[in-house]
Amino acid sequence: QLGAALATRMDKQIFNLGVAKALAEESDFVTSTAEIDNLDKTRSAKIIATGSSAATTAGAEALETALVAAATNFASKDVPFEDLTFFVKPEQFFWLQKQGALLDTDFNPGGNGSRASGAIYKGYGFNIEWTNHLPSGVVTDQQKNNYSVDGTGVVALAMQRDAIGTVLRQGVQTETEYDVSRQGTLVVSKVVAGHGVLRPECLAAIVDE
């Protein structure tokens, strides 16, 4: 349980960082000629997908259109089409299943998941995964690094594995101490790690506005 709690914390920080970078990219300052020359290919993307958060067939269609836009965006920036993942909230994930286009056996004769298995394997080059760790609303997480973000309207995050890096200073350590007053053992686990954006162009946030 302690390991799972640490993993959840790190997941949320990584998603917060990715979403914050994608949403703030339009206001970044250009500081060098190299950035100007390569501006379009080195910036993350904010993809507006109006109605994509709705738990309806129309919402699922809007989200699939946003998935196409994310794939197109990555291709235009020469992002490698390996290890691409489209992270989406559970409600929207299962409406993608219900809508069925990504499961259609006419277009996916080898099978691409099923409603029975609760899985969609791939779509437009992306592995499609649901997660509860995308930010919703304003999240304040001020550590040595700033993981705070306003995730209002965020429905999904498209990523390539090169987008964000993690430095692990100290692996998981667990300490225990018996507390007589509570007649129990206190267990604490800790890890020293930090995350940072390496390639902004490998990030695209899908936002319902």
Protein backbone atom coordinates (compact mmCIF):
# COMPACT_ATOMS: atom_id res chain seq x y z
CA GLN A 1 0.00 0.00 0.00
CA LEU A 2 2.83 2.41 0.78
CA GLY A 3 4.45 1.65 -2.56
CA ALA A 4 1.15 2.23 -4.34
CA ALA A 5 0.71 5.55 -2.53
CA LEU A 6 4.19 6.70 -3.62
CA ALA A 7 3.49 5.62 -7.20
CA THR A 8 0.19 7.51 -7.22
CA ARG A 9 1.90 10.64 -5.93
CA MET A 10 4.57 10.46 -8.64
CA ASP A 11 1.96 9.78 -11.34
CA LYS A 12 -0.02 12.85 -10.34
CA GLN A 13 3.07 15.04 -10.31
CA ILE A 14 4.08 13.87 -13.79
CA PHE A 15 0.59 14.48 -15.19
CA ASN A 16 0.40 17.88 -13.49
CA LEU A 17 3.75 18.83 -15.01
CA GLY A 18 2.78 17.67 -18.49
CA VAL A 19 -0.59 19.39 -18.46
CA ALA A 20 0.86 22.63 -17.05
CA LYS A 21 3.51 22.72 -19.79
CA ALA A 22 0.99 22.08 -22.55
CA LEU A 23 -1.43 24.72 -21.30
CA ALA A 24 1.25 27.36 -20.63
CA GLU A 25 3.13 26.95 -23.88
CA GLU A 26 1.42 29.85 -25.65
CA SER A 27 2.77 32.27 -23.03
CA ASP A 28 6.36 31.00 -23.01
CA PHE A 29 9.00 33.57 -23.87
CA VAL A 30 11.29 32.99 -26.84
CA THR A 31 14.88 33.54 -25.68
CA SER A 32 17.07 32.48 -28.61
CA THR A 33 17.25 32.45 -32.39
CA ALA A 34 17.28 28.66 -32.34
CA GLU A 35 13.92 28.66 -30.56
CA ILE A 36 12.50 31.04 -33.16
CA ASP A 37 13.78 28.93 -36.06
CA ASN A 38 12.28 25.76 -34.59
CA LEU A 39 9.34 27.26 -32.78
CA ASP A 40 6.59 25.12 -34.31
CA LYS A 41 8.48 21.87 -33.82
CA THR A 42 9.59 22.42 -30.24
CA ARG A 43 6.37 23.54 -28.60
CA SER A 44 3.71 21.47 -26.91
CA ALA A 45 0.08 21.72 -27.96
CA LYS A 46 -3.24 22.65 -26.43
CA ILE A 47 -6.01 21.00 -28.44
CA ILE A 48 -9.50 22.43 -27.96
CA ALA A 49 -12.14 19.70 -28.17
CA THR A 50 -15.46 21.30 -27.33
CA GLY A 51 -17.91 18.81 -25.84
CA SER A 52 -15.32 16.05 -25.44
CA SER A 53 -15.92 15.72 -21.70
CA ALA A 54 -19.59 14.84 -22.20
CA ALA A 55 -20.59 11.25 -21.42
CA THR A 56 -22.41 10.92 -24.72
CA THR A 57 -21.81 9.53 -28.19
CA ALA A 58 -21.17 13.07 -29.43
CA GLY A 59 -18.62 13.56 -26.64
CA ALA A 60 -16.81 10.35 -27.62
CA GLU A 61 -16.75 11.45 -31.26
CA ALA A 62 -15.29 14.82 -30.25
CA LEU A 63 -12.62 13.03 -28.21
CA GLU A 64 -11.74 10.74 -31.12
CA THR A 65 -11.39 13.80 -33.33
CA ALA A 66 -9.02 15.27 -30.72
CA LEU A 67 -7.03 12.02 -30.80
CA VAL A 68 -6.62 12.45 -34.56
CA ALA A 69 -5.53 16.05 -33.99
CA ALA A 70 -2.93 14.91 -31.43
CA ALA A 71 -1.54 12.32 -33.86
CA THR A 72 -1.39 14.92 -36.63
CA ASN A 73 0.31 17.40 -34.31
CA PHE A 74 2.98 14.89 -33.27
CA ALA A 75 3.61 13.81 -36.86
CA SER A 76 4.06 17.42 -37.98
CA LYS A 77 6.74 17.88 -35.29
CA ASP A 78 8.62 14.67 -36.16
CA VAL A 79 7.79 13.10 -32.81
CA PRO A 80 8.67 9.37 -32.98
CA PHE A 81 5.55 7.22 -33.34
CA GLU A 82 6.83 4.77 -30.75
CA ASP A 83 5.69 4.60 -27.14
CA LEU A 84 2.83 7.03 -27.68
CA THR A 85 0.11 7.00 -25.03
CA PHE A 86 -3.23 8.78 -24.84
CA PHE A 87 -4.24 9.12 -21.18
CA VAL A 88 -7.93 9.80 -20.65
CA LYS A 89 -10.31 9.90 -17.70
CA PRO A 90 -12.35 6.72 -17.08
CA GLU A 91 -15.76 8.12 -18.05
CA GLN A 92 -14.52 9.27 -21.43
CA PHE A 93 -12.54 6.05 -21.97
CA PHE A 94 -15.59 3.84 -21.62
CA TRP A 95 -17.66 6.13 -23.81
CA LEU A 96 -14.99 5.69 -26.48
CA GLN A 97 -15.67 1.98 -26.10
CA LYS A 98 -19.42 2.45 -26.28
CA GLN A 99 -19.12 4.66 -29.36
CA GLY A 100 -17.19 1.78 -30.89
CA ALA A 101 -15.27 3.31 -33.80
CA LEU A 102 -11.90 2.22 -32.39
CA LEU A 103 -13.23 -1.31 -31.88
CA ASP A 104 -14.85 -1.66 -35.31
CA THR A 105 -13.72 -5.03 -36.71
CA ASP A 106 -14.16 -3.76 -40.28
CA PHE A 107 -11.28 -1.36 -39.68
CA ASN A 108 -9.45 -3.42 -37.03
CA PRO A 109 -9.66 -6.99 -38.33
CA GLY A 110 -7.02 -8.17 -35.88
CA GLY A 111 -9.07 -6.98 -32.94
CA ASN A 112 -8.40 -3.81 -30.97
CA GLY A 113 -9.95 -4.61 -27.62
CA SER A 114 -13.58 -5.18 -26.75
CA ARG A 115 -16.37 -4.04 -24.48
CA ALA A 116 -16.15 -7.42 -22.77
CA SER A 117 -12.49 -6.98 -21.83
CA GLY A 118 -12.87 -3.27 -21.03
CA ALA A 119 -9.87 -2.46 -23.20
CA ILE A 120 -9.00 -0.35 -26.22
CA TYR A 121 -5.49 -1.21 -27.29
CA LYS A 122 -4.53 1.46 -29.80
CA GLY A 123 -5.88 4.34 -31.82
CA TYR A 124 -4.07 6.41 -34.46
CA GLY A 125 -0.71 5.19 -33.16
CA PHE A 126 -1.46 5.76 -29.47
CA ASN A 127 -1.85 3.23 -26.71
CA ILE A 128 -5.07 4.30 -24.98
CA GLU A 129 -5.15 4.13 -21.18
CA TRP A 130 -7.58 5.44 -18.59
CA THR A 131 -6.29 7.08 -15.44
CA ASN A 132 -7.67 8.80 -12.35
CA HIS A 133 -4.53 10.92 -12.00
CA LEU A 134 -5.14 13.67 -14.55
CA PRO A 135 -5.66 17.02 -12.80
CA SER A 136 -9.19 18.31 -12.33
CA GLY A 137 -9.58 21.96 -11.44
CA VAL A 138 -6.87 23.86 -9.61
CA VAL A 139 -4.22 21.62 -8.03
CA THR A 140 -1.64 23.09 -5.64
CA ASP A 141 1.50 21.00 -5.23
CA GLN A 142 4.44 23.27 -4.45
CA GLN A 143 7.55 21.19 -3.74
CA LYS A 144 11.16 21.95 -4.65
CA ASN A 145 9.72 21.78 -8.14
CA ASN A 146 6.33 23.31 -8.86
CA TYR A 147 3.70 20.71 -9.79
CA SER A 148 0.75 23.08 -9.40
CA VAL A 149 -1.65 23.36 -12.34
CA ASP A 150 -5.10 24.58 -13.30
CA GLY A 151 -6.52 21.47 -14.93
CA THR A 152 -10.00 22.90 -15.50
CA GLY A 153 -11.49 21.35 -18.62
CA VAL A 154 -8.64 18.89 -19.18
CA VAL A 155 -10.00 15.64 -20.60
CA ALA A 156 -6.88 13.83 -21.82
CA LEU A 157 -3.11 14.08 -22.22
CA ALA A 158 -1.24 12.74 -25.23
CA MET A 159 2.41 11.90 -24.55
CA GLN A 160 5.45 10.31 -26.08
CA ARG A 161 7.82 8.71 -23.58
CA ASP A 162 10.58 11.29 -24.24
CA ALA A 163 8.34 14.12 -23.00
CA ILE A 164 9.19 13.99 -19.29
CA GLY A 165 12.20 12.66 -17.39
CA THR A 166 12.54 11.55 -13.78
CA VAL A 167 15.68 11.76 -11.67
CA LEU A 168 15.74 9.31 -8.78
CA ARG A 169 18.10 10.52 -6.06
CA GLN A 170 17.13 7.87 -3.55
CA GLY A 171 15.11 4.72 -4.04
CA VAL A 172 12.24 3.66 -1.81
CA GLN A 173 13.23 3.40 1.82
CA THR A 174 10.93 2.12 4.56
CA GLU A 175 11.30 2.78 8.28
CA THR A 176 9.30 1.33 11.15
CA GLU A 177 8.94 2.29 14.78
CA TYR A 178 6.84 0.69 17.49
CA ASP A 179 4.63 3.19 19.36
CA VAL A 180 3.72 1.95 22.85
CA SER A 181 1.00 4.58 23.34
CA ARG A 182 -0.81 3.35 20.23
CA GLN A 183 0.14 -0.30 20.64
CA GLY A 184 1.08 -0.38 17.00
CA THR A 185 3.91 0.07 14.54
CA LEU A 186 4.33 3.26 12.54
CA VAL A 187 5.51 2.55 9.00
CA VAL A 188 6.90 5.31 6.76
CA SER A 189 8.12 4.95 3.17
CA LYS A 190 9.93 7.68 1.26
CA VAL A 191 11.62 8.33 -2.05
CA VAL A 192 13.67 11.27 -3.29
CA ALA A 193 12.83 12.05 -6.92
CA GLY A 194 11.99 14.90 -9.24
CA HIS A 195 10.52 15.31 -12.71
CA GLY A 196 11.07 17.73 -15.55
CA VAL A 197 9.91 18.32 -19.13
CA LEU A 198 12.55 17.23 -21.67
CA ARG A 199 10.72 17.53 -24.99
CA PRO A 200 7.65 19.82 -24.93
CA GLU A 201 6.70 18.82 -28.48
CA CYS A 202 5.91 15.34 -27.15
CA LEU A 203 3.00 16.72 -25.09
CA ALA A 204 -0.55 17.63 -26.12
CA ALA A 205 -3.36 18.42 -23.69
CA ILE A 206 -6.96 17.88 -24.77
CA VAL A 207 -9.23 20.54 -23.27
CA ASP A 208 -12.99 20.96 -23.36
CA GLU A 209 -13.68 24.69 -23.65
